Every structure is written in structure tokens, then in C-alpha cells.
């Protein structure tokens, strides 16, 4: 159509991708509304193991968009394991989803969630937060951590370990977070873990990421989870979550409201 041709021409001139959202004919005039399309989408999956084979996992994870320019990956690990940890992790994850999805920036969301955890009960309530915020238009990415375990950024077989010291939420009135920033590219893999994955003193996890053979990421997440379970010290068990996000060109996205499925870390 004329509107689509004009959108394509304007995009080529400006180096952007436009869609013709609306085209109204009024006599000899053509009124067109052009909207820039996101350059990227984010496909996310996760796999979990419950401590002791229980029904409740203290880890909670989610992926979602804010209805505008950003997509998010989020992983929270409640203190301990079992039902109480599951409530803490799920509460943290749900609060972040509502705040970030509603347009709050991460720092503001952290302060609100931290306050909520501190007043939730008289008992100590701790929870970690690991969050990727991806600008779907320009690829700018920020991984923010509050007491979270290490994450990994994988690009073309090169593995970057993101291990940033910070405190969990619910301990102090003042929040303590750390950040890692980068510009994402198509094919980048982001891997988030809970602290139940044994990676200290061994390169097995980095080696597995480096040797990724392109299998479906759901299958890969399951392989990593099984390997982590097998490597637990004898007699020790914990909740384990492996969450993987793949950055894709927007036109390649498969399903999902905003790009590639939206796992809810239900407990």
C-alpha cells in the first residue's frame, strides 16, 4: 500500500524501522501516522529445581515489557527454602514487575521493594534481585543486582562473568545495588542464576556456555540445571533456577506479548 511504501521510504532515509499504524484518506490528502518499531526482542526461558524435591521453590522469575521501550528479565531468591522463601521471592518478583512495568526506574523500584520487605513482618525478611533492563530500540542493556548471584553475558562464544558485590533487600533502610552495562547485539545470551548453582572454584559452567551448540534454549536451560544438580556437594541441597534470555532482531521474535514468551516464576 502507499502508506507502507512511505513508511519504508522514511525508515530508509532515517535509518529506522517504521510501521504505518494509521492511514486516512481525505480527498487528495493522505494522513499517515508512523510508529518506530523496536529493533530487538527478548526470548526468555527458565528451569527450576525445588530443594529436597518439595512443592515450593524459593526462587521466582519473570520476563515482561513496560509497554514502551524496555523489556525485562528478573530473578529473585528468597531467604532459605520452602514455603516462606517462596512467598518472599514471589513477593519481590511481583512488586518489581508491577513497578518496572508501570514505568518506575530500577532505583525507585528497589527503594519501594526494600521498604515493603522491611515492614512485612517482625522477622527478618531477605530477598535478592537480579534484573536485566533492555532498551528494545537501541540495545542499551543494564544488569542490576541486589545481593544476587553471578550472571553471564555470552556473545559469539565469549563469556563474561558478572559478579557484583551488593546486599540483599530487606536488611538495611538504605539500598545497596551494583550495575553492569553493555550494548546488546543480536544473538547475545544473558544467563541468570540463583545461588544454588555450584560454580565457585570450577569453570564448568563457563565452559558449558562457551560450548553452547545452538540447541533450543529451553533444552539448554534444562541441561545446565541437571549439571548443576549433579555437582552439588553430597548432603547439600538448595533451590536452583537457571534463566536464559536471547536477544533477537524484532522481526524474528516468536510468540509472547512483547517478544519471545514471558515466563512467570510461579511457586
C-alpha atoms as a PDB file:
ATOM      1  CA  UNK A   1       0.000   0.000   0.000  1.00  0.00           C
ATOM      2  CA  UNK A   2       1.012   3.674  -0.326  1.00  0.00           C
ATOM      3  CA  UNK A   3       1.222   4.024   3.455  1.00  0.00           C
ATOM      4  CA  UNK A   4       3.551   1.032   3.809  1.00  0.00           C
ATOM      5  CA  UNK A   5       5.744   2.285   0.956  1.00  0.00           C
ATOM      6  CA  UNK A   6       6.012   5.698   2.586  1.00  0.00           C
ATOM      7  CA  UNK A   7       6.842   4.104   5.960  1.00  0.00           C
ATOM      8  CA  UNK A   8       9.588   2.040   4.320  1.00  0.00           C
ATOM      9  CA  UNK A   9      10.993   5.055   2.478  1.00  0.00           C
ATOM     10  CA  UNK A  10      11.017   7.204   5.635  1.00  0.00           C
ATOM     11  CA  UNK A  11      12.739   4.417   7.530  1.00  0.00           C
ATOM     12  CA  UNK A  12      15.452   4.068   4.907  1.00  0.00           C
ATOM     13  CA  UNK A  13      16.104   7.816   4.959  1.00  0.00           C
ATOM     14  CA  UNK A  14      16.344   7.987   8.758  1.00  0.00           C
ATOM     15  CA  UNK A  15      17.941   4.608   9.379  1.00  0.00           C
ATOM     16  CA  UNK A  16      14.947   3.456  11.450  1.00  0.00           C
ATOM     17  CA  UNK A  17      12.165   0.885  11.114  1.00  0.00           C
ATOM     18  CA  UNK A  18       8.716   2.429  10.821  1.00  0.00           C
ATOM     19  CA  UNK A  19       5.258   0.921  10.632  1.00  0.00           C
ATOM     20  CA  UNK A  20       2.176   2.696   9.265  1.00  0.00           C
ATOM     21  CA  UNK A  21      -0.215   2.491  12.194  1.00  0.00           C
ATOM     22  CA  UNK A  22      -2.937   4.520  10.554  1.00  0.00           C
ATOM     23  CA  UNK A  23      -3.594   5.938   7.084  1.00  0.00           C
ATOM     24  CA  UNK A  24      -6.627   8.164   6.436  1.00  0.00           C
ATOM     25  CA  UNK A  25      -7.637   9.409   3.013  1.00  0.00           C
ATOM     26  CA  UNK A  26      -9.260  12.828   2.893  1.00  0.00           C
ATOM     27  CA  UNK A  27      -9.782  13.835  -0.711  1.00  0.00           C
ATOM     28  CA  UNK A  28      -6.361  14.396  -2.253  1.00  0.00           C
ATOM     29  CA  UNK A  29      -4.636  14.202   1.151  1.00  0.00           C
ATOM     30  CA  UNK A  30      -3.202  11.089   2.799  1.00  0.00           C
ATOM     31  CA  UNK A  31      -2.757  11.370   6.556  1.00  0.00           C
ATOM     32  CA  UNK A  32      -0.305   8.738   7.853  1.00  0.00           C
ATOM     33  CA  UNK A  33       0.793   8.008  11.422  1.00  0.00           C
ATOM     34  CA  UNK A  34       4.221   6.334  11.541  1.00  0.00           C
ATOM     35  CA  UNK A  35       5.471   4.476  14.618  1.00  0.00           C
ATOM     36  CA  UNK A  36       9.028   3.318  15.098  1.00  0.00           C
ATOM     37  CA  UNK A  37       9.285  -0.439  15.582  1.00  0.00           C
ATOM     38  CA  UNK A  38      11.652  -1.878  18.198  1.00  0.00           C
ATOM     39  CA  UNK A  39      14.892  -3.218  16.751  1.00  0.00           C
ATOM     40  CA  UNK A  40      15.099  -6.075  19.260  1.00  0.00           C
ATOM     41  CA  UNK A  41      13.015  -8.647  21.088  1.00  0.00           C
ATOM     42  CA  UNK A  42      13.935 -10.794  24.078  1.00  0.00           C
ATOM     43  CA  UNK A  43      13.140 -14.503  24.274  1.00  0.00           C
ATOM     44  CA  UNK A  44      13.293 -15.896  27.823  1.00  0.00           C
ATOM     45  CA  UNK A  45      13.020 -19.352  29.402  1.00  0.00           C
ATOM     46  CA  UNK A  46      13.772 -20.820  32.819  1.00  0.00           C
ATOM     47  CA  UNK A  47      14.173 -24.156  34.603  1.00  0.00           C
ATOM     48  CA  UNK A  48      13.939 -24.759  38.354  1.00  0.00           C
ATOM     49  CA  UNK A  49      14.737 -27.366  40.999  1.00  0.00           C
ATOM     50  CA  UNK A  50      12.987 -27.297  44.381  1.00  0.00           C
ATOM     51  CA  UNK A  51      15.110 -28.045  47.421  1.00  0.00           C
ATOM     52  CA  UNK A  52      14.508 -31.553  48.758  1.00  0.00           C
ATOM     53  CA  UNK A  53      12.028 -32.300  45.997  1.00  0.00           C
ATOM     54  CA  UNK A  54       9.482 -30.025  47.664  1.00  0.00           C
ATOM     55  CA  UNK A  55       6.487 -28.294  46.123  1.00  0.00           C
ATOM     56  CA  UNK A  56       7.654 -24.721  46.724  1.00  0.00           C
ATOM     57  CA  UNK A  57      10.679 -23.022  45.189  1.00  0.00           C
ATOM     58  CA  UNK A  58      12.158 -20.019  46.980  1.00  0.00           C
ATOM     59  CA  UNK A  59      13.275 -18.579  43.632  1.00  0.00           C
ATOM     60  CA  UNK A  60      10.878 -16.578  41.499  1.00  0.00           C
ATOM     61  CA  UNK A  61      11.495 -15.252  37.988  1.00  0.00           C
ATOM     62  CA  UNK A  62       9.686 -13.321  35.310  1.00  0.00           C
ATOM     63  CA  UNK A  63      10.140 -11.572  31.963  1.00  0.00           C
ATOM     64  CA  UNK A  64       7.930  -8.718  30.804  1.00  0.00           C
ATOM     65  CA  UNK A  65       7.798  -5.398  28.999  1.00  0.00           C
ATOM     66  CA  UNK A  66       6.846  -1.952  30.212  1.00  0.00           C
ATOM     67  CA  UNK A  67       4.552  -1.324  27.251  1.00  0.00           C
ATOM     68  CA  UNK A  68       7.095   1.101  25.816  1.00  0.00           C
ATOM     69  CA  UNK A  69      10.782   0.829  25.112  1.00  0.00           C
ATOM     70  CA  UNK A  70      12.064  -1.734  27.614  1.00  0.00           C
ATOM     71  CA  UNK A  71      11.996  -5.456  28.175  1.00  0.00           C
ATOM     72  CA  UNK A  72      12.999  -7.035  31.477  1.00  0.00           C
ATOM     73  CA  UNK A  73      14.374 -10.275  32.895  1.00  0.00           C
ATOM     74  CA  UNK A  74      14.006 -10.640  36.647  1.00  0.00           C
ATOM     75  CA  UNK A  75      15.129 -13.271  39.149  1.00  0.00           C
ATOM     76  CA  UNK A  76      14.590 -13.138  42.907  1.00  0.00           C
ATOM     77  CA  UNK A  77      15.839 -15.603  45.542  1.00  0.00           C
ATOM     78  CA  UNK A  78      14.025 -15.626  48.886  1.00  0.00           C
ATOM     79  CA  UNK A  79      15.983 -16.431  52.044  1.00  0.00           C
ATOM     80  CA  UNK A  80      16.247 -20.164  52.708  1.00  0.00           C
ATOM     81  CA  UNK A  81      13.908 -22.637  51.042  1.00  0.00           C
ATOM     82  CA  UNK A  82      10.350 -23.903  51.314  1.00  0.00           C
ATOM     83  CA  UNK A  83       7.092 -22.007  51.677  1.00  0.00           C
ATOM     84  CA  UNK A  84       8.389 -18.907  53.447  1.00  0.00           C
ATOM     85  CA  UNK A  85      11.224 -18.395  50.965  1.00  0.00           C
ATOM     86  CA  UNK A  86       8.730 -18.929  48.129  1.00  0.00           C
ATOM     87  CA  UNK A  87       6.498 -16.154  49.485  1.00  0.00           C
ATOM     88  CA  UNK A  88       9.431 -13.755  49.837  1.00  0.00           C
ATOM     89  CA  UNK A  89      10.786 -14.472  46.366  1.00  0.00           C
ATOM     90  CA  UNK A  90       7.353 -14.249  44.744  1.00  0.00           C
ATOM     91  CA  UNK A  91       6.526 -11.019  46.590  1.00  0.00           C
ATOM     92  CA  UNK A  92       9.782  -9.400  45.485  1.00  0.00           C
ATOM     93  CA  UNK A  93       9.309 -10.507  41.889  1.00  0.00           C
ATOM     94  CA  UNK A  94       5.689  -9.376  41.691  1.00  0.00           C
ATOM     95  CA  UNK A  95       6.420  -5.957  43.197  1.00  0.00           C
ATOM     96  CA  UNK A  96       9.244  -5.382  40.727  1.00  0.00           C
ATOM     97  CA  UNK A  97       7.039  -6.475  37.838  1.00  0.00           C
ATOM     98  CA  UNK A  98       4.313  -4.024  38.793  1.00  0.00           C
ATOM     99  CA  UNK A  99       6.716  -1.139  39.413  1.00  0.00           C
ATOM    100  CA  UNK A 100       9.017  -1.589  36.429  1.00  0.00           C
ATOM    101  CA  UNK A 101       6.125  -2.483  34.146  1.00  0.00           C
ATOM    102  CA  UNK A 102       4.366   0.652  35.332  1.00  0.00           C
ATOM    103  CA  UNK A 103       7.268   2.921  34.385  1.00  0.00           C
ATOM    104  CA  UNK A 104       9.301   3.218  37.600  1.00  0.00           C
ATOM    105  CA  UNK A 105      13.074   3.208  37.175  1.00  0.00           C
ATOM    106  CA  UNK A 106      15.054   0.450  38.881  1.00  0.00           C
ATOM    107  CA  UNK A 107      16.424   2.621  41.708  1.00  0.00           C
ATOM    108  CA  UNK A 108      12.951   3.785  42.681  1.00  0.00           C
ATOM    109  CA  UNK A 109      11.604   0.241  42.464  1.00  0.00           C
ATOM    110  CA  UNK A 110      14.433  -1.024  44.689  1.00  0.00           C
ATOM    111  CA  UNK A 111      13.668   1.514  47.398  1.00  0.00           C
ATOM    112  CA  UNK A 112       9.961   0.641  47.399  1.00  0.00           C
ATOM    113  CA  UNK A 113      10.542  -3.128  47.433  1.00  0.00           C
ATOM    114  CA  UNK A 114      13.176  -2.790  50.156  1.00  0.00           C
ATOM    115  CA  UNK A 115      10.766  -0.822  52.343  1.00  0.00           C
ATOM    116  CA  UNK A 116       7.990  -3.368  51.717  1.00  0.00           C
ATOM    117  CA  UNK A 117      10.210  -6.256  52.804  1.00  0.00           C
ATOM    118  CA  UNK A 118      11.372  -4.440  55.933  1.00  0.00           C
ATOM    119  CA  UNK A 119       7.843  -3.741  57.171  1.00  0.00           C
ATOM    120  CA  UNK A 120       6.343  -7.067  56.016  1.00  0.00           C
ATOM    121  CA  UNK A 121       6.875  -8.770  59.385  1.00  0.00           C
ATOM    122  CA  UNK A 122       8.843  -8.534  62.596  1.00  0.00           C
ATOM    123  CA  UNK A 123      11.015 -11.433  61.477  1.00  0.00           C
ATOM    124  CA  UNK A 124      13.936 -10.865  59.132  1.00  0.00           C
ATOM    125  CA  UNK A 125      12.786 -10.966  55.512  1.00  0.00           C
ATOM    126  CA  UNK A 126      15.530 -11.075  52.891  1.00  0.00           C
ATOM    127  CA  UNK A 127      15.382 -11.431  49.148  1.00  0.00           C
ATOM    128  CA  UNK A 128      17.782 -10.871  46.272  1.00  0.00           C
ATOM    129  CA  UNK A 129      17.049  -9.156  42.974  1.00  0.00           C
ATOM    130  CA  UNK A 130      18.776  -9.709  39.625  1.00  0.00           C
ATOM    131  CA  UNK A 131      17.361  -7.594  36.812  1.00  0.00           C
ATOM    132  CA  UNK A 132      18.158  -7.064  33.128  1.00  0.00           C
ATOM    133  CA  UNK A 133      16.635  -3.962  31.544  1.00  0.00           C
ATOM    134  CA  UNK A 134      16.974  -3.958  27.747  1.00  0.00           C
ATOM    135  CA  UNK A 135      16.146  -0.960  25.584  1.00  0.00           C
ATOM    136  CA  UNK A 136      14.409  -2.659  22.658  1.00  0.00           C
ATOM    137  CA  UNK A 137      15.159   0.250  20.308  1.00  0.00           C
ATOM    138  CA  UNK A 138      18.889   0.893  20.764  1.00  0.00           C
ATOM    139  CA  UNK A 139      20.078  -2.241  22.570  1.00  0.00           C
ATOM    140  CA  UNK A 140      21.365  -0.481  25.675  1.00  0.00           C
ATOM    141  CA  UNK A 141      21.283  -3.030  28.495  1.00  0.00           C
ATOM    142  CA  UNK A 142      21.750  -2.747  32.253  1.00  0.00           C
ATOM    143  CA  UNK A 143      22.046  -5.665  34.669  1.00  0.00           C
ATOM    144  CA  UNK A 144      21.330  -4.517  38.229  1.00  0.00           C
ATOM    145  CA  UNK A 145      21.941  -6.654  41.304  1.00  0.00           C
ATOM    146  CA  UNK A 146      20.888  -6.547  44.933  1.00  0.00           C
ATOM    147  CA  UNK A 147      22.604  -9.464  46.662  1.00  0.00           C
ATOM    148  CA  UNK A 148      22.167 -11.663  43.592  1.00  0.00           C
ATOM    149  CA  UNK A 149      24.459 -14.467  42.432  1.00  0.00           C
ATOM    150  CA  UNK A 150      26.665 -14.062  39.381  1.00  0.00           C
ATOM    151  CA  UNK A 151      25.198 -13.695  35.895  1.00  0.00           C
ATOM    152  CA  UNK A 152      26.737 -14.264  32.477  1.00  0.00           C
ATOM    153  CA  UNK A 153      26.776 -12.370  29.188  1.00  0.00           C
ATOM    154  CA  UNK A 154      27.628 -14.604  26.225  1.00  0.00           C
ATOM    155  CA  UNK A 155      28.466 -13.256  22.762  1.00  0.00           C
ATOM    156  CA  UNK A 156      29.887 -15.363  19.930  1.00  0.00           C
ATOM    157  CA  UNK A 157      31.297 -17.894  22.366  1.00  0.00           C
ATOM    158  CA  UNK A 158      32.910 -15.268  24.597  1.00  0.00           C
ATOM    159  CA  UNK A 159      31.676 -15.482  28.188  1.00  0.00           C
ATOM    160  CA  UNK A 160      31.681 -12.518  30.571  1.00  0.00           C
ATOM    161  CA  UNK A 161      31.012 -13.322  34.222  1.00  0.00           C
ATOM    162  CA  UNK A 162      29.061 -10.577  36.032  1.00  0.00           C
ATOM    163  CA  UNK A 163      29.742 -10.938  39.741  1.00  0.00           C
ATOM    164  CA  UNK A 164      28.966  -7.683  41.542  1.00  0.00           C
ATOM    165  CA  UNK A 165      29.016  -7.428  45.350  1.00  0.00           C
ATOM    166  CA  UNK A 166      25.853  -5.982  46.895  1.00  0.00           C
ATOM    167  CA  UNK A 167      23.444  -6.679  49.750  1.00  0.00           C
ATOM    168  CA  UNK A 168      20.026  -8.371  49.531  1.00  0.00           C
ATOM    169  CA  UNK A 169      16.880  -6.353  50.013  1.00  0.00           C
ATOM    170  CA  UNK A 170      15.235  -6.214  53.430  1.00  0.00           C
ATOM    171  CA  UNK A 171      18.407  -5.756  55.522  1.00  0.00           C
ATOM    172  CA  UNK A 172      19.075  -2.013  55.667  1.00  0.00           C
ATOM    173  CA  UNK A 173      16.970   1.095  55.195  1.00  0.00           C
ATOM    174  CA  UNK A 174      19.466   2.263  52.578  1.00  0.00           C
ATOM    175  CA  UNK A 175      19.643   0.057  49.487  1.00  0.00           C
ATOM    176  CA  UNK A 176      22.876  -1.316  48.069  1.00  0.00           C
ATOM    177  CA  UNK A 177      22.882  -2.220  44.367  1.00  0.00           C
ATOM    178  CA  UNK A 178      25.502  -2.758  41.667  1.00  0.00           C
ATOM    179  CA  UNK A 179      25.294  -2.448  37.868  1.00  0.00           C
ATOM    180  CA  UNK A 180      26.840  -3.780  34.681  1.00  0.00           C
ATOM    181  CA  UNK A 181      26.066  -2.011  31.395  1.00  0.00           C
ATOM    182  CA  UNK A 182      26.619  -3.028  27.781  1.00  0.00           C
ATOM    183  CA  UNK A 183      25.133  -2.589  24.325  1.00  0.00           C
ATOM    184  CA  UNK A 184      23.309  -5.748  23.287  1.00  0.00           C
ATOM    185  CA  UNK A 185      23.582  -7.327  19.855  1.00  0.00           C
ATOM    186  CA  UNK A 186      21.502  -9.936  18.068  1.00  0.00           C
ATOM    187  CA  UNK A 187      22.348 -13.382  19.396  1.00  0.00           C
ATOM    188  CA  UNK A 188      23.546 -12.233  22.818  1.00  0.00           C
ATOM    189  CA  UNK A 189      22.703 -14.644  25.613  1.00  0.00           C
ATOM    190  CA  UNK A 190      22.037 -13.487  29.180  1.00  0.00           C
ATOM    191  CA  UNK A 191      22.093 -16.165  31.881  1.00  0.00           C
ATOM    192  CA  UNK A 192      20.864 -15.530  35.434  1.00  0.00           C
ATOM    193  CA  UNK A 193      21.265 -17.990  38.307  1.00  0.00           C
ATOM    194  CA  UNK A 194      20.193 -18.400  41.889  1.00  0.00           C
ATOM    195  CA  UNK A 195      22.935 -19.184  44.380  1.00  0.00           C
ATOM    196  CA  UNK A 196      22.020 -22.884  44.411  1.00  0.00           C
ATOM    197  CA  UNK A 197      24.170 -23.374  41.294  1.00  0.00           C
ATOM    198  CA  UNK A 198      27.655 -24.541  42.381  1.00  0.00           C
ATOM    199  CA  UNK A 199      30.118 -22.536  40.275  1.00  0.00           C
ATOM    200  CA  UNK A 200      32.842 -21.470  42.727  1.00  0.00           C
ATOM    201  CA  UNK A 201      36.279 -22.919  42.126  1.00  0.00           C
ATOM    202  CA  UNK A 202      35.342 -24.521  38.806  1.00  0.00           C
ATOM    203  CA  UNK A 203      34.980 -23.371  35.211  1.00  0.00           C
ATOM    204  CA  UNK A 204      32.385 -25.992  34.257  1.00  0.00           C
ATOM    205  CA  UNK A 205      29.542 -23.502  33.924  1.00  0.00           C
ATOM    206  CA  UNK A 206      31.522 -21.047  31.782  1.00  0.00           C
ATOM    207  CA  UNK A 207      32.731 -23.956  29.648  1.00  0.00           C
ATOM    208  CA  UNK A 208      29.153 -25.096  29.100  1.00  0.00           C
ATOM    209  CA  UNK A 209      28.125 -21.599  27.987  1.00  0.00           C
ATOM    210  CA  UNK A 210      31.141 -21.315  25.705  1.00  0.00           C
ATOM    211  CA  UNK A 211      30.292 -24.644  24.062  1.00  0.00           C
ATOM    212  CA  UNK A 212      26.592 -23.926  23.512  1.00  0.00           C
ATOM    213  CA  UNK A 213      25.692 -25.643  20.230  1.00  0.00           C
ATOM    214  CA  UNK A 214      22.576 -23.711  19.277  1.00  0.00           C
ATOM    215  CA  UNK A 215      20.020 -26.190  20.649  1.00  0.00           C
ATOM    216  CA  UNK A 216      16.649 -24.761  21.820  1.00  0.00           C
ATOM    217  CA  UNK A 217      17.323 -22.571  24.844  1.00  0.00           C
ATOM    218  CA  UNK A 218      14.673 -24.384  26.909  1.00  0.00           C
ATOM    219  CA  UNK A 219      16.634 -27.591  26.365  1.00  0.00           C
ATOM    220  CA  UNK A 220      19.904 -25.815  27.167  1.00  0.00           C
ATOM    221  CA  UNK A 221      18.494 -24.407  30.406  1.00  0.00           C
ATOM    222  CA  UNK A 222      17.416 -27.933  31.408  1.00  0.00           C
ATOM    223  CA  UNK A 223      20.911 -29.266  30.642  1.00  0.00           C
ATOM    224  CA  UNK A 224      22.509 -26.578  32.805  1.00  0.00           C
ATOM    225  CA  UNK A 225      20.067 -27.272  35.639  1.00  0.00           C
ATOM    226  CA  UNK A 226      20.752 -31.002  35.549  1.00  0.00           C
ATOM    227  CA  UNK A 227      24.513 -30.433  35.516  1.00  0.00           C
ATOM    228  CA  UNK A 228      24.225 -28.042  38.468  1.00  0.00           C
ATOM    229  CA  UNK A 229      22.175 -30.589  40.427  1.00  0.00           C
ATOM    230  CA  UNK A 230      24.737 -33.317  39.780  1.00  0.00           C
ATOM    231  CA  UNK A 231      27.573 -31.108  41.017  1.00  0.00           C
ATOM    232  CA  UNK A 232      26.023 -30.242  44.373  1.00  0.00           C
ATOM    233  CA  UNK A 233      28.190 -31.362  47.302  1.00  0.00           C
ATOM    234  CA  UNK A 234      26.889 -34.566  48.849  1.00  0.00           C
ATOM    235  CA  UNK A 235      24.280 -33.938  51.502  1.00  0.00           C
ATOM    236  CA  UNK A 236      23.669 -30.332  50.398  1.00  0.00           C
ATOM    237  CA  UNK A 237      20.611 -29.154  48.522  1.00  0.00           C
ATOM    238  CA  UNK A 238      19.083 -25.805  47.637  1.00  0.00           C
ATOM    239  CA  UNK A 239      16.586 -24.257  45.272  1.00  0.00           C
ATOM    240  CA  UNK A 240      18.111 -23.802  41.819  1.00  0.00           C
ATOM    241  CA  UNK A 241      16.974 -21.554  38.992  1.00  0.00           C
ATOM    242  CA  UNK A 242      18.589 -21.150  35.578  1.00  0.00           C
ATOM    243  CA  UNK A 243      17.088 -18.334  33.497  1.00  0.00           C
ATOM    244  CA  UNK A 244      18.200 -17.609  29.924  1.00  0.00           C
ATOM    245  CA  UNK A 245      17.396 -14.668  27.669  1.00  0.00           C
ATOM    246  CA  UNK A 246      18.316 -14.381  23.981  1.00  0.00           C
ATOM    247  CA  UNK A 247      18.394 -11.015  22.202  1.00  0.00           C
ATOM    248  CA  UNK A 248      16.825 -11.277  18.743  1.00  0.00           C
ATOM    249  CA  UNK A 249      16.033  -8.965  15.876  1.00  0.00           C
ATOM    250  CA  UNK A 250      12.433  -7.915  16.336  1.00  0.00           C
ATOM    251  CA  UNK A 251      11.078  -9.470  13.154  1.00  0.00           C
ATOM    252  CA  UNK A 252      12.417 -12.858  14.303  1.00  0.00           C
ATOM    253  CA  UNK A 253      10.546 -12.924  17.607  1.00  0.00           C
ATOM    254  CA  UNK A 254       8.408 -15.958  18.257  1.00  0.00           C
ATOM    255  CA  UNK A 255       5.246 -15.548  20.319  1.00  0.00           C
ATOM    256  CA  UNK A 256       4.837 -13.653  23.566  1.00  0.00           C
ATOM    257  CA  UNK A 257       3.247 -10.314  24.257  1.00  0.00           C
ATOM    258  CA  UNK A 258       6.398  -8.290  23.732  1.00  0.00           C
ATOM    259  CA  UNK A 259       8.930 -10.744  22.418  1.00  0.00           C
ATOM    260  CA  UNK A 260       9.506 -14.439  22.809  1.00  0.00           C
ATOM    261  CA  UNK A 261       7.419 -15.654  25.701  1.00  0.00           C
ATOM    262  CA  UNK A 262       7.049 -14.370  29.227  1.00  0.00           C
ATOM    263  CA  UNK A 263       7.917 -16.942  31.878  1.00  0.00           C
ATOM    264  CA  UNK A 264       6.254 -16.385  35.199  1.00  0.00           C
ATOM    265  CA  UNK A 265       8.238 -17.884  38.040  1.00  0.00           C
ATOM    266  CA  UNK A 266       5.235 -19.322  39.828  1.00  0.00           C
ATOM    267  CA  UNK A 267       5.914 -21.156  43.060  1.00  0.00           C
END
